[in-house]
Amino acid sequence: MKCRNLLFALETGVPPWGLLWFFSREQVPVRAPGQQPQAQLAMALCLKQVFAKDKTFRPRKRFEPGTQRFELYKKAQASLKSGLDLRSVVRLPPGENIDDWIAVHVVDFFNRINLIYGTMAERCSETSCPVMAGGPRYEYRWQDERQYRRPAKLSAPRYMALLMDWIEGLINDEEVFPTRVGVPFPKNFQQVCTKILTRLFRVFVHVYIHHFDSILSMGAEAHVNTCYKHFYYFIREFSLVDQRELEPLREMTERICH
């Protein structure tokens, strides 16, 4: 089974594109501490489906070695792996540019949340989730500048597919996320990131409320929780998501993040 590397990615933030190399090699099955063999098998089978060509997962965005953002990314990942408190991990390092720091995290969270949703995409269908929602009180409608100029009521998988395409387009757009040295970020960069992170938060809402059983059955609760806590502390540190958007997971957040 090859699930250990995905478990490690969810917990520590190792870039998912690096996992493709691991998945190209046969490895000896290794059980996570305290995980039963049946749970390990179920999780491995579910996680391997993420890499099927028709799934949402798309590990395309990376930071080029030698760039400032690559060095910031390495610094952020080193802090995560060191076991430091997540509240301190998200703080802007002294002397660093805040837009660079936000850019690094937006790309990382996109990869990781995309991976989390991909693990349960099989159980999120047009039939099981005909509306993109977070329980009976919250419904999310899709709007963009192309196909859906007015807010549209869509199924969860359709919403997710459009969301991931939309974010991928933005983070690969040099005018929005410049990678060349000396090219400044656009003036509205943080507003763009706020919109991206707000919509990514809705993925957590849907996954936790509608697919928590899948998280448990894969034995991934601790790993998803760690990713959520990292995300939550980051958006709160820089006030990037409106407090009202966080309401659907308020009780859970108070329990695991305080």
C-alpha atoms as a PDB file:
ATOM      1  CA  MET A   1       0.000   0.000   0.000  1.00  0.00           C
ATOM      2  CA  LYS A   2       1.158   3.509  -0.814  1.00  0.00           C
ATOM      3  CA  CYS A   3      -0.939   5.654   1.494  1.00  0.00           C
ATOM      4  CA  ARG A   4       1.756   6.608   3.987  1.00  0.00           C
ATOM      5  CA  ASN A   5       3.147   9.365   1.784  1.00  0.00           C
ATOM      6  CA  LEU A   6      -0.286  10.918   1.301  1.00  0.00           C
ATOM      7  CA  LEU A   7      -0.876  10.751   5.043  1.00  0.00           C
ATOM      8  CA  PHE A   8       2.444  12.501   5.532  1.00  0.00           C
ATOM      9  CA  ALA A   9       1.486  15.142   2.991  1.00  0.00           C
ATOM     10  CA  LEU A  10      -1.801  15.923   4.694  1.00  0.00           C
ATOM     11  CA  GLU A  11      -0.118  16.245   8.065  1.00  0.00           C
ATOM     12  CA  THR A  12       3.051  18.135   7.172  1.00  0.00           C
ATOM     13  CA  GLY A  13       2.267  19.911   3.932  1.00  0.00           C
ATOM     14  CA  VAL A  14       4.840  18.136   1.754  1.00  0.00           C
ATOM     15  CA  PRO A  15       4.028  19.286  -1.798  1.00  0.00           C
ATOM     16  CA  PRO A  16       1.725  16.748  -3.451  1.00  0.00           C
ATOM     17  CA  TRP A  17       3.615  16.846  -6.746  1.00  0.00           C
ATOM     18  CA  GLY A  18       6.482  15.189  -4.901  1.00  0.00           C
ATOM     19  CA  LEU A  19       4.195  12.286  -4.105  1.00  0.00           C
ATOM     20  CA  LEU A  20       3.909  11.337  -7.750  1.00  0.00           C
ATOM     21  CA  TRP A  21       7.462  10.020  -7.560  1.00  0.00           C
ATOM     22  CA  PHE A  22       6.577   7.897  -4.534  1.00  0.00           C
ATOM     23  CA  PHE A  23       3.512   6.541  -6.298  1.00  0.00           C
ATOM     24  CA  SER A  24       5.622   5.448  -9.245  1.00  0.00           C
ATOM     25  CA  ARG A  25       7.555   3.038  -7.041  1.00  0.00           C
ATOM     26  CA  GLU A  26       6.486  -0.122  -5.246  1.00  0.00           C
ATOM     27  CA  GLN A  27       6.810   0.180  -1.511  1.00  0.00           C
ATOM     28  CA  VAL A  28       6.409  -2.119   1.451  1.00  0.00           C
ATOM     29  CA  PRO A  29       3.067  -1.596   3.253  1.00  0.00           C
ATOM     30  CA  VAL A  30       3.551   0.468   6.381  1.00  0.00           C
ATOM     31  CA  ARG A  31       0.766   1.005   8.906  1.00  0.00           C
ATOM     32  CA  ALA A  32       0.351   4.397  10.558  1.00  0.00           C
ATOM     33  CA  PRO A  33       0.720   4.276  14.362  1.00  0.00           C
ATOM     34  CA  GLY A  34      -2.452   2.926  15.927  1.00  0.00           C
ATOM     35  CA  GLN A  35      -4.090   2.262  12.565  1.00  0.00           C
ATOM     36  CA  GLN A  36      -5.764  -1.107  12.077  1.00  0.00           C
ATOM     37  CA  PRO A  37      -4.887  -3.164   8.969  1.00  0.00           C
ATOM     38  CA  GLN A  38      -8.459  -2.903   7.622  1.00  0.00           C
ATOM     39  CA  ALA A  39      -8.443   0.880   7.972  1.00  0.00           C
ATOM     40  CA  GLN A  40      -5.035   1.044   6.335  1.00  0.00           C
ATOM     41  CA  LEU A  41      -6.263  -0.985   3.358  1.00  0.00           C
ATOM     42  CA  ALA A  42      -9.430   1.087   2.966  1.00  0.00           C
ATOM     43  CA  MET A  43      -7.513   4.324   3.145  1.00  0.00           C
ATOM     44  CA  ALA A  44      -4.887   3.186   0.665  1.00  0.00           C
ATOM     45  CA  LEU A  45      -7.534   2.173  -1.848  1.00  0.00           C
ATOM     46  CA  CYS A  46      -9.356   5.492  -1.481  1.00  0.00           C
ATOM     47  CA  LEU A  47      -6.260   7.653  -1.658  1.00  0.00           C
ATOM     48  CA  LYS A  48      -4.839   5.877  -4.690  1.00  0.00           C
ATOM     49  CA  GLN A  49      -7.990   6.866  -6.594  1.00  0.00           C
ATOM     50  CA  VAL A  50      -6.949  10.495  -6.276  1.00  0.00           C
ATOM     51  CA  PHE A  51      -4.426  10.014  -9.056  1.00  0.00           C
ATOM     52  CA  ALA A  52      -6.893   8.607 -11.581  1.00  0.00           C
ATOM     53  CA  LYS A  53      -7.071  10.837 -14.640  1.00  0.00           C
ATOM     54  CA  ASP A  54     -10.743  11.718 -14.138  1.00  0.00           C
ATOM     55  CA  LYS A  55     -10.332  12.980 -10.580  1.00  0.00           C
ATOM     56  CA  THR A  56     -10.100  16.568  -9.373  1.00  0.00           C
ATOM     57  CA  PHE A  57      -6.509  16.342  -8.128  1.00  0.00           C
ATOM     58  CA  ARG A  58      -4.022  18.256 -10.262  1.00  0.00           C
ATOM     59  CA  PRO A  59      -0.494  18.700  -8.849  1.00  0.00           C
ATOM     60  CA  ARG A  60       0.696  21.287 -11.355  1.00  0.00           C
ATOM     61  CA  LYS A  61       1.736  24.355  -9.392  1.00  0.00           C
ATOM     62  CA  ARG A  62       5.148  24.372  -7.822  1.00  0.00           C
ATOM     63  CA  PHE A  63       7.829  26.825  -6.740  1.00  0.00           C
ATOM     64  CA  GLU A  64      10.941  26.917  -8.868  1.00  0.00           C
ATOM     65  CA  PRO A  65      14.184  26.130  -6.977  1.00  0.00           C
ATOM     66  CA  GLY A  66      16.389  29.155  -6.471  1.00  0.00           C
ATOM     67  CA  THR A  67      13.538  31.651  -6.268  1.00  0.00           C
ATOM     68  CA  GLN A  68      12.650  33.640  -3.175  1.00  0.00           C
ATOM     69  CA  ARG A  69       9.254  31.972  -3.000  1.00  0.00           C
ATOM     70  CA  PHE A  70      10.843  28.527  -3.086  1.00  0.00           C
ATOM     71  CA  GLU A  71      13.024  29.527  -0.135  1.00  0.00           C
ATOM     72  CA  LEU A  72       9.966  30.859   1.721  1.00  0.00           C
ATOM     73  CA  TYR A  73       8.140  27.627   0.982  1.00  0.00           C
ATOM     74  CA  LYS A  74      11.032  25.569   2.360  1.00  0.00           C
ATOM     75  CA  LYS A  75      11.098  27.758   5.461  1.00  0.00           C
ATOM     76  CA  ALA A  76       7.362  27.293   6.018  1.00  0.00           C
ATOM     77  CA  GLN A  77       7.574  23.523   5.554  1.00  0.00           C
ATOM     78  CA  ALA A  78      10.583  23.251   7.863  1.00  0.00           C
ATOM     79  CA  SER A  79       8.602  25.030  10.567  1.00  0.00           C
ATOM     80  CA  LEU A  80       5.681  22.648  10.081  1.00  0.00           C
ATOM     81  CA  LYS A  81       7.901  19.586  10.360  1.00  0.00           C
ATOM     82  CA  SER A  82       9.679  20.927  13.429  1.00  0.00           C
ATOM     83  CA  GLY A  83       6.570  20.505  15.562  1.00  0.00           C
ATOM     84  CA  LEU A  84       6.193  24.202  16.316  1.00  0.00           C
ATOM     85  CA  ASP A  85       2.777  25.474  17.330  1.00  0.00           C
ATOM     86  CA  LEU A  86       0.763  26.179  14.189  1.00  0.00           C
ATOM     87  CA  ARG A  87      -0.123  29.644  15.431  1.00  0.00           C
ATOM     88  CA  SER A  88       3.544  30.617  15.340  1.00  0.00           C
ATOM     89  CA  VAL A  89       4.228  28.793  12.074  1.00  0.00           C
ATOM     90  CA  VAL A  90       1.887  31.059  10.098  1.00  0.00           C
ATOM     91  CA  ARG A  91       3.391  34.343  11.293  1.00  0.00           C
ATOM     92  CA  LEU A  92       5.279  36.442   8.754  1.00  0.00           C
ATOM     93  CA  PRO A  93       9.037  35.862   9.175  1.00  0.00           C
ATOM     94  CA  PRO A  94      11.006  39.026   9.961  1.00  0.00           C
ATOM     95  CA  GLY A  95      12.069  40.930   6.874  1.00  0.00           C
ATOM     96  CA  GLU A  96       9.882  38.971   4.453  1.00  0.00           C
ATOM     97  CA  ASN A  97       7.328  40.435   2.049  1.00  0.00           C
ATOM     98  CA  ILE A  98       3.754  39.747   3.114  1.00  0.00           C
ATOM     99  CA  ASP A  99       2.502  39.208  -0.458  1.00  0.00           C
ATOM    100  CA  ASP A 100       5.178  36.580  -1.074  1.00  0.00           C
ATOM    101  CA  TRP A 101       4.245  34.857   2.199  1.00  0.00           C
ATOM    102  CA  ILE A 102       0.548  34.862   1.308  1.00  0.00           C
ATOM    103  CA  ALA A 103       1.252  33.634  -2.232  1.00  0.00           C
ATOM    104  CA  VAL A 104       3.270  30.677  -0.953  1.00  0.00           C
ATOM    105  CA  HIS A 105       0.494  29.647   1.410  1.00  0.00           C
ATOM    106  CA  VAL A 106      -2.348  30.109  -1.065  1.00  0.00           C
ATOM    107  CA  VAL A 107      -0.633  27.778  -3.527  1.00  0.00           C
ATOM    108  CA  ASP A 108       0.163  25.260  -0.784  1.00  0.00           C
ATOM    109  CA  PHE A 109      -3.382  25.282   0.590  1.00  0.00           C
ATOM    110  CA  PHE A 110      -4.786  24.877  -2.911  1.00  0.00           C
ATOM    111  CA  ASN A 111      -2.688  21.759  -3.445  1.00  0.00           C
ATOM    112  CA  ARG A 112      -3.492  20.272  -0.042  1.00  0.00           C
ATOM    113  CA  ILE A 113      -7.234  20.991   0.012  1.00  0.00           C
ATOM    114  CA  ASN A 114      -7.523  19.754  -3.560  1.00  0.00           C
ATOM    115  CA  LEU A 115      -5.856  16.548  -2.394  1.00  0.00           C
ATOM    116  CA  ILE A 116      -8.224  16.187   0.577  1.00  0.00           C
ATOM    117  CA  TYR A 117     -11.310  16.599  -1.583  1.00  0.00           C
ATOM    118  CA  GLY A 118      -9.875  14.248  -4.185  1.00  0.00           C
ATOM    119  CA  THR A 119      -9.709  11.443  -1.627  1.00  0.00           C
ATOM    120  CA  MET A 120     -13.490  11.487  -1.223  1.00  0.00           C
ATOM    121  CA  ALA A 121     -14.568  12.641  -4.678  1.00  0.00           C
ATOM    122  CA  GLU A 122     -15.998   9.169  -5.349  1.00  0.00           C
ATOM    123  CA  ARG A 123     -18.495   9.733  -2.534  1.00  0.00           C
ATOM    124  CA  CYS A 124     -19.430  13.252  -3.573  1.00  0.00           C
ATOM    125  CA  SER A 125     -21.659  12.808  -6.595  1.00  0.00           C
ATOM    126  CA  GLU A 126     -24.496  14.524  -8.411  1.00  0.00           C
ATOM    127  CA  THR A 127     -26.830  12.160  -6.581  1.00  0.00           C
ATOM    128  CA  SER A 128     -25.405  12.342  -3.063  1.00  0.00           C
ATOM    129  CA  CYS A 129     -24.651  16.085  -3.192  1.00  0.00           C
ATOM    130  CA  PRO A 130     -27.022  17.734  -5.703  1.00  0.00           C
ATOM    131  CA  VAL A 131     -26.354  21.124  -4.099  1.00  0.00           C
ATOM    132  CA  MET A 132     -23.059  22.614  -2.924  1.00  0.00           C
ATOM    133  CA  ALA A 133     -23.936  23.098   0.710  1.00  0.00           C
ATOM    134  CA  GLY A 134     -22.715  23.055   4.274  1.00  0.00           C
ATOM    135  CA  GLY A 135     -25.640  21.427   6.032  1.00  0.00           C
ATOM    136  CA  PRO A 136     -29.239  22.672   5.806  1.00  0.00           C
ATOM    137  CA  ARG A 137     -28.399  26.284   6.706  1.00  0.00           C
ATOM    138  CA  TYR A 138     -25.669  27.089   4.189  1.00  0.00           C
ATOM    139  CA  GLU A 139     -25.767  26.881   0.407  1.00  0.00           C
ATOM    140  CA  TYR A 140     -22.984  28.074  -1.865  1.00  0.00           C
ATOM    141  CA  ARG A 141     -23.667  29.301  -5.375  1.00  0.00           C
ATOM    142  CA  TRP A 142     -21.096  29.644  -8.119  1.00  0.00           C
ATOM    143  CA  GLN A 143     -20.313  32.818 -10.049  1.00  0.00           C
ATOM    144  CA  ASP A 144     -17.479  33.639 -12.421  1.00  0.00           C
ATOM    145  CA  GLU A 145     -16.685  35.967 -15.290  1.00  0.00           C
ATOM    146  CA  ARG A 146     -17.295  33.430 -18.037  1.00  0.00           C
ATOM    147  CA  GLN A 147     -20.014  30.798 -17.916  1.00  0.00           C
ATOM    148  CA  TYR A 148     -21.855  31.818 -14.743  1.00  0.00           C
ATOM    149  CA  ARG A 149     -22.160  35.584 -14.576  1.00  0.00           C
ATOM    150  CA  ARG A 150     -25.024  35.285 -12.114  1.00  0.00           C
ATOM    151  CA  PRO A 151     -24.881  33.118  -8.952  1.00  0.00           C
ATOM    152  CA  ALA A 152     -25.805  29.575 -10.005  1.00  0.00           C
ATOM    153  CA  LYS A 153     -27.072  26.678  -7.914  1.00  0.00           C
ATOM    154  CA  LEU A 154     -24.817  23.721  -8.739  1.00  0.00           C
ATOM    155  CA  SER A 155     -24.076  20.258  -7.429  1.00  0.00           C
ATOM    156  CA  ALA A 156     -21.108  19.943  -5.098  1.00  0.00           C
ATOM    157  CA  PRO A 157     -18.891  18.050  -7.583  1.00  0.00           C
ATOM    158  CA  ARG A 158     -19.636  20.569 -10.319  1.00  0.00           C
ATOM    159  CA  TYR A 159     -18.905  23.456  -7.947  1.00  0.00           C
ATOM    160  CA  MET A 160     -15.640  21.804  -6.872  1.00  0.00           C
ATOM    161  CA  ALA A 161     -14.506  21.224 -10.446  1.00  0.00           C
ATOM    162  CA  LEU A 162     -15.172  24.842 -11.390  1.00  0.00           C
ATOM    163  CA  LEU A 163     -13.492  26.053  -8.213  1.00  0.00           C
ATOM    164  CA  MET A 164     -10.299  24.088  -8.785  1.00  0.00           C
ATOM    165  CA  ASP A 165     -10.141  25.178 -12.429  1.00  0.00           C
ATOM    166  CA  TRP A 166     -10.684  28.799 -11.420  1.00  0.00           C
ATOM    167  CA  ILE A 167      -7.983  28.762  -8.733  1.00  0.00           C
ATOM    168  CA  GLU A 168      -5.548  26.929 -10.963  1.00  0.00           C
ATOM    169  CA  GLY A 169      -6.051  29.541 -13.653  1.00  0.00           C
ATOM    170  CA  LEU A 170      -5.326  32.346 -11.196  1.00  0.00           C
ATOM    171  CA  ILE A 171      -2.209  30.877  -9.601  1.00  0.00           C
ATOM    172  CA  ASN A 172      -0.755  30.075 -13.024  1.00  0.00           C
ATOM    173  CA  ASP A 173      -1.480  33.589 -14.297  1.00  0.00           C
ATOM    174  CA  GLU A 174       1.750  35.610 -14.253  1.00  0.00           C
ATOM    175  CA  GLU A 175      -0.214  38.837 -13.938  1.00  0.00           C
ATOM    176  CA  VAL A 176      -1.801  37.644 -10.686  1.00  0.00           C
ATOM    177  CA  PHE A 177       0.893  35.378  -9.206  1.00  0.00           C
ATOM    178  CA  PRO A 178       4.120  36.679 -10.816  1.00  0.00           C
ATOM    179  CA  THR A 179       7.116  34.381 -10.573  1.00  0.00           C
ATOM    180  CA  ARG A 180       9.752  36.507 -12.293  1.00  0.00           C
ATOM    181  CA  VAL A 181      12.148  38.421 -10.053  1.00  0.00           C
ATOM    182  CA  GLY A 182      11.326  42.114  -9.839  1.00  0.00           C
ATOM    183  CA  VAL A 183       7.760  41.776 -11.107  1.00  0.00           C
ATOM    184  CA  PRO A 184       5.404  43.224  -8.472  1.00  0.00           C
ATOM    185  CA  PHE A 185       2.138  41.715  -7.339  1.00  0.00           C
ATOM    186  CA  PRO A 186      -0.999  43.443  -8.615  1.00  0.00           C
ATOM    187  CA  LYS A 187      -2.556  46.040  -6.335  1.00  0.00           C
ATOM    188  CA  ASN A 188      -5.592  43.838  -5.723  1.00  0.00           C
ATOM    189  CA  PHE A 189      -3.518  40.737  -4.923  1.00  0.00           C
ATOM    190  CA  GLN A 190      -4.704  40.305  -1.359  1.00  0.00           C
ATOM    191  CA  GLN A 191      -8.332  40.767  -2.406  1.00  0.00           C
ATOM    192  CA  VAL A 192      -7.865  37.989  -4.968  1.00  0.00           C
ATOM    193  CA  CYS A 193      -6.325  35.762  -2.298  1.00  0.00           C
ATOM    194  CA  THR A 194      -9.203  36.522   0.058  1.00  0.00           C
ATOM    195  CA  LYS A 195     -11.649  35.276  -2.563  1.00  0.00           C
ATOM    196  CA  ILE A 196      -9.571  32.140  -3.214  1.00  0.00           C
ATOM    197  CA  LEU A 197      -9.240  31.310   0.487  1.00  0.00           C
ATOM    198  CA  THR A 198     -12.912  32.035   1.161  1.00  0.00           C
ATOM    199  CA  ARG A 199     -13.922  29.550  -1.498  1.00  0.00           C
ATOM    200  CA  LEU A 200     -11.376  26.989  -0.303  1.00  0.00           C
ATOM    201  CA  PHE A 201     -12.854  27.283   3.176  1.00  0.00           C
ATOM    202  CA  ARG A 202     -16.171  26.167   1.695  1.00  0.00           C
ATOM    203  CA  VAL A 203     -14.495  22.930   0.646  1.00  0.00           C
ATOM    204  CA  PHE A 204     -13.691  22.267   4.300  1.00  0.00           C
ATOM    205  CA  VAL A 205     -17.297  23.094   5.219  1.00  0.00           C
ATOM    206  CA  HIS A 206     -18.700  20.618   2.719  1.00  0.00           C
ATOM    207  CA  VAL A 207     -16.188  17.889   3.510  1.00  0.00           C
ATOM    208  CA  TYR A 208     -16.605  18.119   7.281  1.00  0.00           C
ATOM    209  CA  ILE A 209     -20.398  18.352   7.277  1.00  0.00           C
ATOM    210  CA  HIS A 210     -21.270  15.987   4.427  1.00  0.00           C
ATOM    211  CA  HIS A 211     -18.335  13.592   4.203  1.00  0.00           C
ATOM    212  CA  PHE A 212     -16.967  13.272   7.713  1.00  0.00           C
ATOM    213  CA  ASP A 213     -17.795   9.549   7.708  1.00  0.00           C
ATOM    214  CA  SER A 214     -15.454   9.164   4.742  1.00  0.00           C
ATOM    215  CA  ILE A 215     -12.696  10.938   6.645  1.00  0.00           C
ATOM    216  CA  LEU A 216     -13.174   8.570   9.563  1.00  0.00           C
ATOM    217  CA  SER A 217     -13.355   5.453   7.396  1.00  0.00           C
ATOM    218  CA  MET A 218     -10.015   6.366   5.794  1.00  0.00           C
ATOM    219  CA  GLY A 219      -8.411   7.005   9.174  1.00  0.00           C
ATOM    220  CA  ALA A 220      -7.565  10.530   8.015  1.00  0.00           C
ATOM    221  CA  GLU A 221      -9.315  12.605  10.686  1.00  0.00           C
ATOM    222  CA  ALA A 222      -6.115  13.755  12.436  1.00  0.00           C
ATOM    223  CA  HIS A 223      -4.454  14.672   9.158  1.00  0.00           C
ATOM    224  CA  VAL A 224      -7.419  16.634   7.796  1.00  0.00           C
ATOM    225  CA  ASN A 225      -7.788  18.382  11.146  1.00  0.00           C
ATOM    226  CA  THR A 226      -4.131  19.426  11.068  1.00  0.00           C
ATOM    227  CA  CYS A 227      -4.539  20.863   7.590  1.00  0.00           C
ATOM    228  CA  TYR A 228      -7.682  22.702   8.689  1.00  0.00           C
ATOM    229  CA  LYS A 229      -5.996  24.142  11.768  1.00  0.00           C
ATOM    230  CA  HIS A 230      -3.047  25.355   9.701  1.00  0.00           C
ATOM    231  CA  PHE A 231      -5.441  26.963   7.213  1.00  0.00           C
ATOM    232  CA  TYR A 232      -7.571  28.511   9.961  1.00  0.00           C
ATOM    233  CA  TYR A 233      -4.642  30.011  11.871  1.00  0.00           C
ATOM    234  CA  PHE A 234      -3.265  31.473   8.649  1.00  0.00           C
ATOM    235  CA  ILE A 235      -6.465  33.177   7.501  1.00  0.00           C
ATOM    236  CA  ARG A 236      -7.041  34.559  11.011  1.00  0.00           C
ATOM    237  CA  GLU A 237      -3.464  35.801  11.350  1.00  0.00           C
ATOM    238  CA  PHE A 238      -3.873  37.983   8.264  1.00  0.00           C
ATOM    239  CA  SER A 239      -7.663  38.545   8.422  1.00  0.00           C
ATOM    240  CA  LEU A 240      -8.101  37.041   4.975  1.00  0.00           C
ATOM    241  CA  VAL A 241     -11.588  35.529   5.361  1.00  0.00           C
ATOM    242  CA  ASP A 242     -14.643  37.317   6.731  1.00  0.00           C
ATOM    243  CA  GLN A 243     -15.720  36.022  10.129  1.00  0.00           C
ATOM    244  CA  ARG A 244     -19.233  35.367   8.806  1.00  0.00           C
ATOM    245  CA  GLU A 245     -17.857  32.845   6.315  1.00  0.00           C
ATOM    246  CA  LEU A 246     -16.396  30.834   9.210  1.00  0.00           C
ATOM    247  CA  GLU A 247     -19.731  30.403  10.979  1.00  0.00           C
ATOM    248  CA  PRO A 248     -20.644  26.941   9.556  1.00  0.00           C
ATOM    249  CA  LEU A 249     -17.637  25.353  11.321  1.00  0.00           C
ATOM    250  CA  ARG A 250     -17.576  27.643  14.354  1.00  0.00           C
ATOM    251  CA  GLU A 251     -18.342  24.973  16.975  1.00  0.00           C
ATOM    252  CA  MET A 252     -15.822  22.517  15.541  1.00  0.00           C
ATOM    253  CA  THR A 253     -13.211  25.259  15.224  1.00  0.00           C
ATOM    254  CA  GLU A 254     -13.669  26.287  18.859  1.00  0.00           C
ATOM    255  CA  ARG A 255     -13.124  22.671  19.835  1.00  0.00           C
ATOM    256  CA  ILE A 256      -9.995  21.877  17.822  1.00  0.00           C
ATOM    257  CA  CYS A 257      -8.340  25.287  17.371  1.00  0.00           C
ATOM    258  CA  HIS A 258      -8.550  26.780  20.854  1.00  0.00           C
END
